Amino acid sequence: MEIQTETLSEEEIAAITGYQLPSKQIQWLASNGWQYALSCARRPVVGRVYARLKLAGVKPTAMNAVAETWTFDLSRVG
Protein backbone atom coordinates (compact mmCIF):
# COMPACT_ATOMS: atom_id res chain seq x y z
CA MET A 1 0.00 0.00 0.00
CA GLU A 2 1.41 3.37 -1.02
CA ILE A 3 1.28 6.14 1.57
CA GLN A 4 0.44 9.54 0.13
CA THR A 5 2.22 12.64 1.33
CA GLU A 6 0.53 15.88 2.34
CA THR A 7 1.73 17.53 -0.88
CA LEU A 8 1.40 16.57 -4.52
CA SER A 9 4.37 14.93 -6.22
CA GLU A 10 6.15 16.58 -9.13
CA GLU A 11 4.44 14.09 -11.44
CA GLU A 12 0.99 14.95 -10.07
CA ILE A 13 1.59 18.69 -10.53
CA ALA A 14 2.75 18.02 -14.10
CA ALA A 15 -0.39 15.96 -14.75
CA ILE A 16 -2.66 18.74 -13.46
CA THR A 17 -0.90 21.62 -15.22
CA GLY A 18 0.15 19.78 -18.37
CA TYR A 19 3.68 21.18 -18.00
CA GLN A 20 7.01 19.66 -16.94
CA LEU A 21 8.87 22.94 -16.45
CA PRO A 22 8.35 24.45 -12.98
CA SER A 23 8.12 27.96 -14.43
CA LYS A 24 5.24 26.88 -16.71
CA GLN A 25 3.59 25.01 -13.82
CA ILE A 26 3.75 28.18 -11.70
CA GLN A 27 2.29 30.22 -14.54
CA TRP A 28 -0.59 27.74 -14.98
CA LEU A 29 -1.32 27.51 -11.25
CA ALA A 30 -1.36 31.30 -10.89
CA SER A 31 -3.55 31.90 -13.94
CA ASN A 32 -6.04 29.26 -12.78
CA GLY A 33 -6.32 30.59 -9.24
CA TRP A 34 -4.47 27.81 -7.41
CA GLN A 35 -2.64 28.51 -4.16
CA TYR A 36 0.89 27.15 -4.00
CA ALA A 37 4.19 27.69 -2.23
CA LEU A 38 7.64 27.64 -3.79
CA SER A 39 10.33 25.27 -2.59
CA CYS A 40 13.90 26.51 -2.28
CA ALA A 41 14.45 24.90 -5.71
CA ARG A 42 11.69 27.21 -7.08
CA ARG A 43 9.29 24.31 -7.66
CA PRO A 44 5.59 24.74 -6.87
CA VAL A 45 4.28 22.89 -3.83
CA VAL A 46 0.54 22.17 -3.67
CA GLY A 47 -1.27 20.61 -0.73
CA ARG A 48 -3.06 17.32 -1.42
CA VAL A 49 -6.32 18.21 0.39
CA TYR A 50 -6.36 21.62 -1.32
CA ALA A 51 -5.90 19.98 -4.74
CA ARG A 52 -8.69 17.48 -4.07
CA LEU A 53 -11.08 20.28 -3.19
CA LYS A 54 -10.08 22.37 -6.23
CA LEU A 55 -10.47 19.42 -8.59
CA ALA A 56 -13.89 18.65 -7.09
CA GLY A 57 -15.04 22.20 -7.79
CA VAL A 58 -15.13 23.18 -4.12
CA LYS A 59 -13.63 26.51 -3.13
CA PRO A 60 -11.04 25.54 -0.49
CA THR A 61 -11.38 27.37 2.83
CA ALA A 62 -9.97 26.89 6.31
CA MET A 63 -13.25 25.24 7.32
CA ASN A 64 -13.41 22.57 4.60
CA ALA A 65 -9.68 21.95 4.24
CA VAL A 66 -9.45 19.80 7.37
CA ALA A 67 -8.79 16.28 6.17
CA GLU A 68 -9.71 14.40 9.30
CA THR A 69 -9.86 15.31 12.95
CA TRP A 70 -8.38 12.95 15.46
CA THR A 71 -7.81 12.79 19.17
CA PHE A 72 -5.03 11.35 21.22
CA ASP A 73 -6.54 8.17 22.72
CA LEU A 74 -4.64 6.32 25.42
CA SER A 75 -7.60 4.24 26.58
CA ARG A 76 -6.17 1.01 25.08
CA VAL A 77 -2.68 1.43 26.48
CA GLY A 78 -2.14 -0.62 29.48
C-alpha atoms as a PDB file:
ATOM      1  CA  MET A   1       0.000   0.000   0.000  1.00  0.00           C
ATOM      2  CA  GLU A   2       1.405   3.373  -1.021  1.00  0.00           C
ATOM      3  CA  ILE A   3       1.277   6.139   1.568  1.00  0.00           C
ATOM      4  CA  GLN A   4       0.445   9.538   0.127  1.00  0.00           C
ATOM      5  CA  THR A   5       2.222  12.644   1.328  1.00  0.00           C
ATOM      6  CA  GLU A   6       0.530  15.881   2.337  1.00  0.00           C
ATOM      7  CA  THR A   7       1.726  17.535  -0.880  1.00  0.00           C
ATOM      8  CA  LEU A   8       1.404  16.566  -4.518  1.00  0.00           C
ATOM      9  CA  SER A   9       4.369  14.935  -6.217  1.00  0.00           C
ATOM     10  CA  GLU A  10       6.153  16.582  -9.134  1.00  0.00           C
ATOM     11  CA  GLU A  11       4.444  14.093 -11.439  1.00  0.00           C
ATOM     12  CA  GLU A  12       0.995  14.953 -10.068  1.00  0.00           C
ATOM     13  CA  ILE A  13       1.587  18.687 -10.533  1.00  0.00           C
ATOM     14  CA  ALA A  14       2.754  18.016 -14.095  1.00  0.00           C
ATOM     15  CA  ALA A  15      -0.394  15.963 -14.755  1.00  0.00           C
ATOM     16  CA  ILE A  16      -2.656  18.743 -13.462  1.00  0.00           C
ATOM     17  CA  THR A  17      -0.899  21.616 -15.219  1.00  0.00           C
ATOM     18  CA  GLY A  18       0.148  19.785 -18.368  1.00  0.00           C
ATOM     19  CA  TYR A  19       3.680  21.177 -18.003  1.00  0.00           C
ATOM     20  CA  GLN A  20       7.006  19.658 -16.945  1.00  0.00           C
ATOM     21  CA  LEU A  21       8.872  22.941 -16.445  1.00  0.00           C
ATOM     22  CA  PRO A  22       8.345  24.448 -12.975  1.00  0.00           C
ATOM     23  CA  SER A  23       8.117  27.964 -14.431  1.00  0.00           C
ATOM     24  CA  LYS A  24       5.244  26.881 -16.708  1.00  0.00           C
ATOM     25  CA  GLN A  25       3.586  25.011 -13.822  1.00  0.00           C
ATOM     26  CA  ILE A  26       3.752  28.179 -11.698  1.00  0.00           C
ATOM     27  CA  GLN A  27       2.287  30.216 -14.540  1.00  0.00           C
ATOM     28  CA  TRP A  28      -0.588  27.736 -14.981  1.00  0.00           C
ATOM     29  CA  LEU A  29      -1.315  27.514 -11.246  1.00  0.00           C
ATOM     30  CA  ALA A  30      -1.362  31.304 -10.889  1.00  0.00           C
ATOM     31  CA  SER A  31      -3.551  31.897 -13.940  1.00  0.00           C
ATOM     32  CA  ASN A  32      -6.041  29.256 -12.781  1.00  0.00           C
ATOM     33  CA  GLY A  33      -6.324  30.593  -9.237  1.00  0.00           C
ATOM     34  CA  TRP A  34      -4.475  27.814  -7.415  1.00  0.00           C
ATOM     35  CA  GLN A  35      -2.643  28.509  -4.164  1.00  0.00           C
ATOM     36  CA  TYR A  36       0.891  27.150  -4.001  1.00  0.00           C
ATOM     37  CA  ALA A  37       4.195  27.688  -2.233  1.00  0.00           C
ATOM     38  CA  LEU A  38       7.637  27.635  -3.793  1.00  0.00           C
ATOM     39  CA  SER A  39      10.326  25.275  -2.593  1.00  0.00           C
ATOM     40  CA  CYS A  40      13.902  26.506  -2.279  1.00  0.00           C
ATOM     41  CA  ALA A  41      14.450  24.903  -5.706  1.00  0.00           C
ATOM     42  CA  ARG A  42      11.691  27.209  -7.078  1.00  0.00           C
ATOM     43  CA  ARG A  43       9.292  24.307  -7.665  1.00  0.00           C
ATOM     44  CA  PRO A  44       5.593  24.744  -6.874  1.00  0.00           C
ATOM     45  CA  VAL A  45       4.278  22.889  -3.825  1.00  0.00           C
ATOM     46  CA  VAL A  46       0.536  22.169  -3.674  1.00  0.00           C
ATOM     47  CA  GLY A  47      -1.274  20.612  -0.731  1.00  0.00           C
ATOM     48  CA  ARG A  48      -3.058  17.324  -1.417  1.00  0.00           C
ATOM     49  CA  VAL A  49      -6.316  18.205   0.386  1.00  0.00           C
ATOM     50  CA  TYR A  50      -6.361  21.616  -1.322  1.00  0.00           C
ATOM     51  CA  ALA A  51      -5.900  19.984  -4.740  1.00  0.00           C
ATOM     52  CA  ARG A  52      -8.693  17.478  -4.074  1.00  0.00           C
ATOM     53  CA  LEU A  53     -11.085  20.277  -3.187  1.00  0.00           C
ATOM     54  CA  LYS A  54     -10.076  22.369  -6.228  1.00  0.00           C
ATOM     55  CA  LEU A  55     -10.468  19.417  -8.590  1.00  0.00           C
ATOM     56  CA  ALA A  56     -13.889  18.651  -7.094  1.00  0.00           C
ATOM     57  CA  GLY A  57     -15.042  22.199  -7.786  1.00  0.00           C
ATOM     58  CA  VAL A  58     -15.133  23.176  -4.119  1.00  0.00           C
ATOM     59  CA  LYS A  59     -13.633  26.508  -3.125  1.00  0.00           C
ATOM     60  CA  PRO A  60     -11.040  25.543  -0.486  1.00  0.00           C
ATOM     61  CA  THR A  61     -11.381  27.373   2.828  1.00  0.00           C
ATOM     62  CA  ALA A  62      -9.968  26.889   6.307  1.00  0.00           C
ATOM     63  CA  MET A  63     -13.252  25.243   7.317  1.00  0.00           C
ATOM     64  CA  ASN A  64     -13.412  22.569   4.595  1.00  0.00           C
ATOM     65  CA  ALA A  65      -9.679  21.948   4.240  1.00  0.00           C
ATOM     66  CA  VAL A  66      -9.447  19.802   7.367  1.00  0.00           C
ATOM     67  CA  ALA A  67      -8.787  16.282   6.173  1.00  0.00           C
ATOM     68  CA  GLU A  68      -9.706  14.404   9.302  1.00  0.00           C
ATOM     69  CA  THR A  69      -9.857  15.307  12.948  1.00  0.00           C
ATOM     70  CA  TRP A  70      -8.377  12.945  15.460  1.00  0.00           C
ATOM     71  CA  THR A  71      -7.814  12.789  19.167  1.00  0.00           C
ATOM     72  CA  PHE A  72      -5.030  11.348  21.217  1.00  0.00           C
ATOM     73  CA  ASP A  73      -6.542   8.173  22.719  1.00  0.00           C
ATOM     74  CA  LEU A  74      -4.635   6.324  25.415  1.00  0.00           C
ATOM     75  CA  SER A  75      -7.598   4.238  26.578  1.00  0.00           C
ATOM     76  CA  ARG A  76      -6.175   1.008  25.080  1.00  0.00           C
ATOM     77  CA  VAL A  77      -2.680   1.434  26.483  1.00  0.00           C
ATOM     78  CA  GLY A  78      -2.138  -0.623  29.485  1.00  0.00           C
END
